[in-house]
């Protein structure tokens, strides 16, 4: 029923579904296989997000900082903005599918685009950088940084 709240526990994971999350009533077949939470086929639209909490017992602080909930689609893991506490890594999601705790261990490669080597950096009005994201190799986001927000080293 879409008119009430649900909290479903499955193998130590928690799925919180608030009322009116879905447009229509639906039957969820939730599976937890190994370390993957499977909420079923992504065919029903969401009206609002729901929260999934996957259990974590990561003691290494670096590993924990690098960890996030990822959505598995077409055998690739896509980053989902995640939060952490002592017991769970959790995220708000807006689609069904398969979810897993993953780690981002690839350092970004940051390089300037169209940087003019002839002009001193202090005279340029903006810098444009390309930062490829490992989880979506086709994406090539561009970041523009205003020089007024940059701190540049000075010569001694």
Protein backbone atom coordinates (compact mmCIF):
# COMPACT_ATOMS: atom_id res chain seq x y z
CA UNK A 1 0.00 0.00 0.00
CA UNK A 2 1.38 3.41 -0.93
CA UNK A 3 -0.40 5.26 1.89
CA UNK A 4 1.76 4.06 4.80
CA UNK A 5 5.41 3.96 5.90
CA UNK A 6 7.45 0.74 5.84
CA UNK A 7 10.75 -0.33 7.35
CA UNK A 8 11.96 -3.63 5.93
CA UNK A 9 14.94 -5.52 7.38
CA UNK A 10 16.75 -7.96 5.11
CA UNK A 11 20.07 -9.58 6.18
CA UNK A 12 20.98 -6.64 8.43
CA UNK A 13 20.16 -4.10 5.71
CA UNK A 14 17.27 -1.69 6.16
CA UNK A 15 14.92 -0.35 3.50
CA UNK A 16 12.81 2.64 4.58
CA UNK A 17 9.86 3.40 2.33
CA UNK A 18 7.82 6.46 3.23
CA UNK A 19 4.17 6.72 2.30
CA UNK A 20 3.47 7.85 -1.25
CA UNK A 21 6.96 6.86 -2.44
CA UNK A 22 5.43 5.07 -5.43
CA UNK A 23 2.60 6.23 -7.67
CA UNK A 24 0.92 2.82 -7.54
CA UNK A 25 0.91 -0.15 -5.19
CA UNK A 26 3.55 -2.71 -6.07
CA UNK A 27 4.94 -5.96 -4.77
CA UNK A 28 8.66 -5.80 -3.98
CA UNK A 29 10.72 -8.98 -4.17
CA UNK A 30 13.74 -7.97 -2.10
CA UNK A 31 16.76 -10.28 -2.17
CA UNK A 32 20.11 -10.01 -0.42
CA UNK A 33 22.71 -12.19 -2.12
CA UNK A 34 26.28 -12.08 -0.82
CA UNK A 35 26.90 -8.35 -0.41
CA UNK A 36 24.30 -7.16 -2.95
CA UNK A 37 20.87 -5.78 -2.13
CA UNK A 38 18.47 -6.50 -5.00
CA UNK A 39 15.25 -4.45 -4.92
CA UNK A 40 13.97 -5.88 -8.19
CA UNK A 41 13.65 -4.65 -11.74
CA UNK A 42 13.64 -0.89 -12.23
CA UNK A 43 10.30 -0.52 -13.99
CA UNK A 44 8.09 1.34 -11.49
CA UNK A 45 8.48 5.13 -11.21
CA UNK A 46 9.07 6.80 -7.86
CA UNK A 47 7.14 9.80 -6.58
CA UNK A 48 9.78 10.42 -3.89
CA UNK A 49 12.98 8.73 -2.77
CA UNK A 50 13.40 5.90 -0.29
CA UNK A 51 16.34 5.16 1.98
CA UNK A 52 18.51 2.05 1.92
CA UNK A 53 20.99 1.27 4.69
CA UNK A 54 23.65 -1.34 4.03
CA UNK A 55 25.54 -2.75 7.02
CA UNK A 56 29.22 -1.90 7.28
CA UNK A 57 31.94 -3.00 9.66
CA UNK A 58 34.87 -1.11 8.14
CA UNK A 59 37.39 -0.21 10.83
CA UNK A 60 39.99 1.47 8.58
CA UNK A 61 39.07 5.17 8.38
CA UNK A 62 40.57 5.61 4.89
CA UNK A 63 38.58 2.67 3.53
CA UNK A 64 35.44 4.03 5.17
CA UNK A 65 35.96 7.49 3.63
CA UNK A 66 36.39 5.88 0.21
CA UNK A 67 33.27 3.72 0.57
CA UNK A 68 29.88 4.51 -0.91
CA UNK A 69 26.71 2.78 -2.04
CA UNK A 70 26.88 1.97 -5.71
CA UNK A 71 24.12 0.95 -8.09
CA UNK A 72 24.93 -2.00 -10.32
CA UNK A 73 23.62 -1.53 -13.85
CA UNK A 74 24.94 -3.17 -17.00
CA UNK A 75 27.72 -4.76 -14.92
CA UNK A 76 29.03 -1.30 -13.92
CA UNK A 77 28.86 0.36 -10.52
CA UNK A 78 27.50 3.90 -10.45
CA UNK A 79 28.19 6.21 -7.51
CA UNK A 80 25.24 7.11 -5.25
CA UNK A 81 25.71 9.98 -2.80
CA UNK A 82 26.03 8.17 0.55
CA UNK A 83 26.33 8.94 4.24
CA UNK A 84 27.92 6.83 6.95
CA UNK A 85 27.46 6.07 10.61
CA UNK A 86 28.92 3.42 12.93
CA UNK A 87 26.72 0.61 11.58
CA UNK A 88 25.53 1.57 8.09
CA UNK A 89 26.31 3.29 4.85
CA UNK A 90 23.03 4.75 3.65
CA UNK A 91 21.60 6.63 0.69
CA UNK A 92 18.37 7.99 -0.69
CA UNK A 93 17.53 6.29 -3.96
CA UNK A 94 14.91 6.93 -6.63
CA UNK A 95 15.03 3.69 -8.57
CA UNK A 96 14.86 -0.01 -7.92
CA UNK A 97 17.77 -2.22 -8.89
CA UNK A 98 20.87 -3.75 -7.33
CA UNK A 99 22.97 -1.91 -4.75
CA UNK A 100 26.33 -2.70 -3.14
CA UNK A 101 28.95 -1.04 -0.94
CA UNK A 102 31.85 -0.06 -3.18
CA UNK A 103 35.11 1.89 -2.85
CA UNK A 104 36.58 4.72 -4.86
CA UNK A 105 40.32 4.05 -4.93
CA UNK A 106 41.27 5.80 -8.17
CA UNK A 107 42.86 9.21 -7.72
CA UNK A 108 41.47 11.88 -10.07
CA UNK A 109 43.64 13.15 -12.89
CA UNK A 110 43.23 16.91 -12.93
CA UNK A 111 44.57 18.79 -15.95
CA UNK A 112 43.99 22.28 -17.33
CA UNK A 113 42.10 22.76 -20.59
CA UNK A 114 43.19 25.50 -23.01
CA UNK A 115 45.78 26.87 -20.59
CA UNK A 116 47.86 29.50 -22.32
CA UNK A 117 51.47 28.94 -21.31
CA UNK A 118 52.45 32.40 -22.62
CA UNK A 119 50.23 34.32 -20.18
CA UNK A 120 50.92 34.40 -16.47
CA UNK A 121 48.27 32.67 -14.40
CA UNK A 122 47.51 35.83 -12.43
CA UNK A 123 46.21 37.60 -15.58
CA UNK A 124 43.76 34.89 -16.59
CA UNK A 125 40.16 35.48 -15.54
CA UNK A 126 39.27 31.81 -15.17
CA UNK A 127 40.80 28.37 -15.19
CA UNK A 128 39.06 25.38 -16.71
CA UNK A 129 39.91 21.86 -15.55
CA UNK A 130 38.92 18.42 -16.75
CA UNK A 131 38.38 15.84 -14.02
CA UNK A 132 37.45 12.41 -15.43
CA UNK A 133 35.30 10.29 -13.13
CA UNK A 134 36.28 6.61 -13.01
CA UNK A 135 32.76 5.25 -12.43
CA UNK A 136 31.47 6.92 -15.60
CA UNK A 137 34.29 6.83 -18.15
CA UNK A 138 32.20 8.45 -20.88
CA UNK A 139 31.66 11.53 -18.73
CA UNK A 140 34.19 14.34 -18.92
CA UNK A 141 32.99 16.99 -16.48
CA UNK A 142 34.47 20.46 -16.71
CA UNK A 143 35.04 22.66 -13.68
CA UNK A 144 35.54 26.40 -13.96
CA UNK A 145 37.39 28.13 -11.14
CA UNK A 146 37.26 31.90 -10.78
CA UNK A 147 40.68 33.38 -10.07
CA UNK A 148 39.26 35.37 -7.17
CA UNK A 149 38.82 32.11 -5.26
CA UNK A 150 42.31 30.76 -5.94
CA UNK A 151 45.27 31.08 -3.62
CA UNK A 152 48.42 31.14 -5.70
CA UNK A 153 51.92 30.57 -4.30
CA UNK A 154 54.13 33.64 -4.27
CA UNK A 155 57.80 33.73 -5.15
CA UNK A 156 60.18 34.15 -2.24
